[in-house]
Amino acid sequence: MSPATSIQATEVKRESASIAALGRVIFALAIIAIGIETFVCARVVDHSLGPEHDIIPVIPWVPAMPWLAYLFGAIWVACGIGLLTNRTVRPAALALGSLMILCALVLEGPKAAVNFGSGNLRTVLFEPLAIGSLAWLLPGEDVIPKWLVHVGRWLLAISLVVFGLDHFLALEFVGTLIPDWIPWHVFWSGFFGVAFIAAGLGIGLNLLQRWAATGLGLMFGIWVITLHLPRVLGLYHIPNASSPNGWSSLFIATAMWGGLWAMPRSRSPRQNT
């Protein structure tokens, strides 16, 4: 390897490490935010269910009991804090990933299985599966079992492919979520669908995984800045955009952004070459 090539390779590794470190912080802060919101909304009434229903949490993936919502909120916050330090990142990531995936399969899986044609139910199922998988992958292959790396990578890949297919199944609806100042709404909906599917296949098959994760993470970051954050702040004047559901969407997109950027840390140097 020539000196110039060696210097270039060193710069690429340095930039990759910087992106991964930033992604880890973003991911951790998003998990902390999800925990705080779960705590705050633990006793919010969902009036759409009718007056006969008791006070229930409105945050997805959480059992419909306030005391459990408080417990889960505290766990999310603790895991998010644990992700910020090297000493506690492994147990925090394993606990977060396991609990997210367990909640998805136990609480949301049966609902989605009964009506898998519902895009909303599929989304609520595969969002925690994706976030939980990212948590499993975050510590790195040298500190977690290889079988867990493979399971996490494929769960993430399947989730991303499902997100991509959902974009095509609801092409025009997804286009309505794009701000008016951005042109070609239907085109961008299809483009995002292709990006999801391509990234999912790349991650699942371990082909250009670093680039797939970094590029898709950038897409989520752009969404956070141009779509989710302005919506919840009321800049687009969309009714109910600042509801708990709107804030949840913001934090979920932020977690996906950070988790995907942190993924290069989960790969060995030999695989990154």
Protein backbone atom coordinates (compact mmCIF):
# COMPACT_ATOMS: atom_id res chain seq x y z
CA MET A 1 0.00 0.00 0.00
CA SER A 2 1.41 3.38 -1.01
CA PRO A 3 1.86 6.15 1.60
CA ALA A 4 -0.89 8.22 -0.05
CA THR A 5 -3.31 5.29 0.03
CA SER A 6 -2.41 4.56 3.64
CA ILE A 7 -3.04 8.17 4.66
CA GLN A 8 -6.37 8.17 2.83
CA ALA A 9 -7.42 4.92 4.52
CA THR A 10 -6.49 6.38 7.91
CA GLU A 11 -8.59 9.48 7.22
CA VAL A 12 -11.57 7.35 6.20
CA LYS A 13 -11.32 5.31 9.41
CA ARG A 14 -11.03 8.49 11.46
CA GLU A 15 -14.09 10.04 9.83
CA SER A 16 -16.01 6.77 10.25
CA ALA A 17 -15.13 6.67 13.95
CA SER A 18 -16.25 10.28 14.38
CA ILE A 19 -19.60 9.58 12.71
CA ALA A 20 -20.06 6.45 14.82
CA ALA A 21 -19.28 8.33 18.05
CA LEU A 22 -21.75 11.08 17.15
CA GLY A 23 -24.35 8.49 16.20
CA ARG A 24 -23.98 6.76 19.55
CA VAL A 25 -24.65 10.04 21.40
CA ILE A 26 -27.66 10.84 19.20
CA PHE A 27 -29.04 7.33 19.72
CA ALA A 28 -28.57 7.50 23.49
CA LEU A 29 -30.24 10.92 23.75
CA ALA A 30 -33.18 9.69 21.66
CA ILE A 31 -33.66 6.70 23.97
CA ILE A 32 -33.54 9.00 27.00
CA ALA A 33 -36.16 11.23 25.33
CA ILE A 34 -38.40 8.21 24.66
CA GLY A 35 -38.09 7.26 28.33
CA ILE A 36 -38.97 10.76 29.53
CA GLU A 37 -41.97 10.93 27.19
CA THR A 38 -43.13 7.51 28.39
CA PHE A 39 -42.93 8.83 31.96
CA VAL A 40 -44.77 12.06 31.14
CA CYS A 41 -47.52 10.32 29.19
CA ALA A 42 -47.99 7.41 31.57
CA ARG A 43 -51.35 8.77 32.72
CA VAL A 44 -52.59 10.50 29.58
CA VAL A 45 -56.12 9.55 28.52
CA ASP A 46 -56.72 8.37 24.98
CA HIS A 47 -60.19 9.87 24.44
CA SER A 48 -60.58 8.10 21.10
CA LEU A 49 -61.24 4.86 23.00
CA GLY A 50 -64.35 6.21 24.68
CA PRO A 51 -65.20 7.32 28.24
CA GLU A 52 -65.39 3.77 29.56
CA HIS A 53 -61.64 3.27 29.19
CA ASP A 54 -59.32 3.95 32.07
CA ILE A 55 -56.23 6.12 31.91
CA ILE A 56 -53.66 4.36 29.75
CA PRO A 57 -50.23 5.20 28.34
CA VAL A 58 -50.33 6.53 24.79
CA ILE A 59 -46.73 5.62 23.96
CA PRO A 60 -46.38 2.52 21.72
CA TRP A 61 -44.64 -0.69 22.83
CA VAL A 62 -45.57 -0.10 26.49
CA PRO A 63 -48.15 -2.14 28.47
CA ALA A 64 -51.38 -0.21 29.00
CA MET A 65 -50.84 0.23 32.74
CA PRO A 66 -49.49 3.48 34.21
CA TRP A 67 -47.20 1.86 36.77
CA LEU A 68 -45.60 -0.26 34.04
CA ALA A 69 -45.24 2.83 31.89
CA TYR A 70 -43.35 4.52 34.74
CA LEU A 71 -41.14 1.43 35.06
CA PHE A 72 -40.46 1.20 31.33
CA GLY A 73 -39.77 4.92 31.13
CA ALA A 74 -37.21 4.62 33.91
CA ILE A 75 -35.58 1.66 32.13
CA TRP A 76 -35.36 3.54 28.81
CA VAL A 77 -33.73 6.51 30.57
CA ALA A 78 -31.28 4.28 32.45
CA CYS A 79 -30.34 2.42 29.26
CA GLY A 80 -29.89 5.68 27.35
CA ILE A 81 -27.56 7.00 30.04
CA GLY A 82 -25.68 3.70 30.07
CA LEU A 83 -25.05 3.96 26.32
CA LEU A 84 -23.05 7.15 26.84
CA THR A 85 -20.11 5.52 28.64
CA ASN A 86 -17.85 2.70 27.46
CA ARG A 87 -18.02 1.01 30.84
CA THR A 88 -21.79 0.46 30.72
CA VAL A 89 -22.54 0.46 27.00
CA ARG A 90 -22.64 -3.35 26.67
CA PRO A 91 -25.18 -4.14 29.42
CA ALA A 92 -27.23 -1.06 28.53
CA ALA A 93 -27.35 -1.99 24.84
CA LEU A 94 -28.21 -5.63 25.51
CA ALA A 95 -30.93 -4.71 28.01
CA LEU A 96 -32.40 -2.04 25.73
CA GLY A 97 -32.38 -4.26 22.65
CA SER A 98 -33.86 -7.25 24.46
CA LEU A 99 -36.65 -5.24 26.07
CA MET A 100 -37.51 -3.38 22.86
CA ILE A 101 -37.71 -6.59 20.84
CA LEU A 102 -39.64 -8.39 23.59
CA CYS A 103 -42.19 -5.55 23.75
CA ALA A 104 -42.53 -5.60 19.97
CA LEU A 105 -43.10 -9.36 19.74
CA VAL A 106 -45.33 -9.73 22.82
CA LEU A 107 -47.36 -6.51 22.71
CA GLU A 108 -47.45 -5.56 19.03
CA GLY A 109 -46.81 -8.88 17.28
CA PRO A 110 -50.25 -10.43 17.92
CA LYS A 111 -52.03 -7.26 16.75
CA ALA A 112 -50.03 -7.13 13.54
CA ALA A 113 -50.45 -10.87 12.93
CA VAL A 114 -54.24 -10.54 13.05
CA ASN A 115 -54.25 -7.67 10.56
CA PHE A 116 -50.88 -7.62 8.82
CA GLY A 117 -52.39 -5.58 6.01
CA SER A 118 -52.53 -2.56 8.31
CA GLY A 119 -49.60 -0.27 7.63
CA ASN A 120 -49.94 1.39 11.03
CA LEU A 121 -49.74 -1.94 12.88
CA ARG A 122 -46.74 -3.02 10.81
CA THR A 123 -44.98 0.24 11.59
CA VAL A 124 -45.61 -0.02 15.33
CA LEU A 125 -44.26 -3.59 15.23
CA PHE A 126 -41.13 -3.03 13.17
CA GLU A 127 -40.03 0.29 14.71
CA PRO A 128 -39.07 -1.23 18.08
CA LEU A 129 -37.62 -4.26 16.28
CA ALA A 130 -35.35 -1.94 14.31
CA ILE A 131 -34.35 0.16 17.34
CA GLY A 132 -33.78 -2.95 19.45
CA SER A 133 -31.61 -4.47 16.71
CA LEU A 134 -29.55 -1.28 16.48
CA ALA A 135 -29.04 -1.42 20.24
CA TRP A 136 -27.79 -5.01 20.01
CA LEU A 137 -25.34 -4.08 17.24
CA LEU A 138 -24.01 -0.94 18.89
CA PRO A 139 -21.38 -2.37 21.33
CA GLY A 140 -19.44 -4.14 18.57
CA GLU A 141 -18.81 -7.71 17.44
CA ASP A 142 -15.89 -8.13 19.81
CA VAL A 143 -18.05 -7.86 22.94
CA ILE A 144 -21.35 -9.51 21.98
CA PRO A 145 -22.02 -13.06 20.71
CA LYS A 146 -21.74 -13.53 16.95
CA TRP A 147 -25.18 -15.14 16.78
CA LEU A 148 -26.66 -11.99 18.31
CA VAL A 149 -24.92 -9.89 15.66
CA HIS A 150 -26.46 -12.01 12.90
CA VAL A 151 -29.93 -11.96 14.48
CA GLY A 152 -29.74 -8.21 15.05
CA ARG A 153 -28.52 -7.51 11.54
CA TRP A 154 -31.28 -9.57 9.92
CA LEU A 155 -34.02 -8.17 12.15
CA LEU A 156 -32.86 -4.69 11.18
CA ALA A 157 -32.66 -5.64 7.51
CA ILE A 158 -36.18 -7.10 7.46
CA SER A 159 -37.54 -4.04 9.26
CA LEU A 160 -35.95 -1.68 6.73
CA VAL A 161 -37.29 -3.68 3.78
CA VAL A 162 -40.78 -3.59 5.30
CA PHE A 163 -40.50 0.20 5.74
CA GLY A 164 -39.51 0.46 2.10
CA LEU A 165 -42.38 -1.68 0.85
CA ASP A 166 -44.79 0.34 2.98
CA HIS A 167 -43.64 3.49 1.21
CA PHE A 168 -44.70 1.98 -2.11
CA LEU A 169 -47.99 0.68 -0.70
CA ALA A 170 -48.86 4.18 0.52
CA LEU A 171 -46.99 6.26 -2.03
CA GLU A 172 -49.38 9.21 -2.19
CA PHE A 173 -50.07 9.26 1.56
CA VAL A 174 -46.36 9.35 2.39
CA GLY A 175 -46.07 12.20 -0.09
CA THR A 176 -48.53 14.25 1.95
CA LEU A 177 -46.15 14.08 4.93
CA ILE A 178 -43.42 15.89 2.98
CA PRO A 179 -43.37 19.69 3.56
CA ASP A 180 -44.93 21.81 0.84
CA TRP A 181 -41.70 23.66 0.11
CA ILE A 182 -40.12 20.42 -1.12
CA PRO A 183 -41.22 19.55 -4.71
CA TRP A 184 -41.99 16.14 -6.26
CA HIS A 185 -43.60 14.53 -3.23
CA VAL A 186 -44.49 11.23 -4.91
CA PHE A 187 -41.01 10.94 -6.41
CA TRP A 188 -39.38 11.37 -3.01
CA SER A 189 -41.76 8.82 -1.48
CA GLY A 190 -40.62 6.26 -4.03
CA PHE A 191 -36.98 7.27 -3.62
CA PHE A 192 -37.19 6.76 0.14
CA GLY A 193 -38.78 3.34 -0.43
CA VAL A 194 -35.92 2.30 -2.71
CA ALA A 195 -33.38 3.62 -0.18
CA PHE A 196 -34.96 1.56 2.62
CA ILE A 197 -35.00 -1.64 0.59
CA ALA A 198 -31.46 -1.18 -0.76
CA ALA A 199 -30.06 -0.41 2.69
CA GLY A 200 -31.92 -3.34 4.22
CA LEU A 201 -30.53 -5.76 1.65
CA GLY A 202 -27.05 -4.32 2.04
CA ILE A 203 -27.13 -4.70 5.81
CA GLY A 204 -28.70 -8.16 5.75
CA LEU A 205 -26.31 -9.53 3.13
CA ASN A 206 -23.34 -7.65 4.62
CA LEU A 207 -22.69 -5.82 1.33
CA LEU A 208 -21.40 -2.25 1.73
CA GLN A 209 -22.98 -2.33 5.17
CA ARG A 210 -21.13 0.74 6.45
CA TRP A 211 -22.22 2.87 3.51
CA ALA A 212 -25.80 1.59 3.62
CA ALA A 213 -26.12 2.39 7.33
CA THR A 214 -24.42 5.78 7.08
CA GLY A 215 -26.47 6.85 4.06
CA LEU A 216 -29.77 5.74 5.55
CA GLY A 217 -28.86 7.39 8.84
CA LEU A 218 -28.26 10.63 6.94
CA MET A 219 -31.72 10.29 5.42
CA PHE A 220 -33.28 9.97 8.88
CA GLY A 221 -31.23 12.94 10.08
CA ILE A 222 -32.58 15.06 7.22
CA TRP A 223 -36.10 13.96 8.12
CA VAL A 224 -35.58 14.96 11.74
CA ILE A 225 -34.37 18.44 10.79
CA THR A 226 -36.73 19.20 7.90
CA LEU A 227 -39.85 17.24 8.82
CA HIS A 228 -40.29 15.97 12.38
CA LEU A 229 -38.79 18.81 14.42
CA PRO A 230 -40.55 21.65 12.54
CA ARG A 231 -43.84 19.73 12.78
CA VAL A 232 -43.79 19.31 16.56
CA LEU A 233 -42.66 22.94 16.98
CA GLY A 234 -45.72 24.06 15.03
CA LEU A 235 -43.79 25.62 12.15
CA TYR A 236 -45.86 23.80 9.50
CA HIS A 237 -49.19 24.59 11.24
CA ILE A 238 -50.33 20.96 11.10
CA PRO A 239 -53.18 20.12 13.54
CA ASN A 240 -52.16 17.84 16.46
CA ALA A 241 -48.56 17.70 15.20
CA SER A 242 -47.28 18.39 18.70
CA SER A 243 -49.28 15.50 20.22
CA PRO A 244 -47.47 12.64 22.00
CA ASN A 245 -47.63 10.73 18.73
CA GLY A 246 -45.78 13.55 16.96
CA TRP A 247 -43.08 13.65 19.60
CA SER A 248 -42.76 9.85 19.50
CA SER A 249 -42.21 10.00 15.75
CA LEU A 250 -39.51 12.61 16.27
CA PHE A 251 -37.68 10.55 18.89
CA ILE A 252 -38.01 7.31 16.89
CA ALA A 253 -36.59 8.95 13.75
CA THR A 254 -33.76 10.41 15.84
CA ALA A 255 -33.00 6.98 17.33
CA MET A 256 -32.86 5.48 13.84
CA TRP A 257 -30.55 8.28 12.72
CA GLY A 258 -28.13 7.80 15.59
CA GLY A 259 -28.30 4.02 15.68
CA LEU A 260 -27.54 3.66 11.98
CA TRP A 261 -24.60 6.04 12.23
CA ALA A 262 -23.27 4.08 15.19
CA MET A 263 -23.43 0.80 13.26
CA PRO A 264 -19.88 1.01 11.83
CA ARG A 265 -18.63 0.52 15.40
CA SER A 266 -20.20 -2.93 15.39
CA ARG A 267 -17.98 -4.19 12.59
CA SER A 268 -14.47 -5.57 12.83
CA PRO A 269 -11.62 -3.78 11.03
CA ARG A 270 -11.23 -6.75 8.68
CA GLN A 271 -14.87 -6.45 7.58
CA ASN A 272 -14.56 -2.71 7.03
CA THR A 273 -11.82 -3.10 4.45
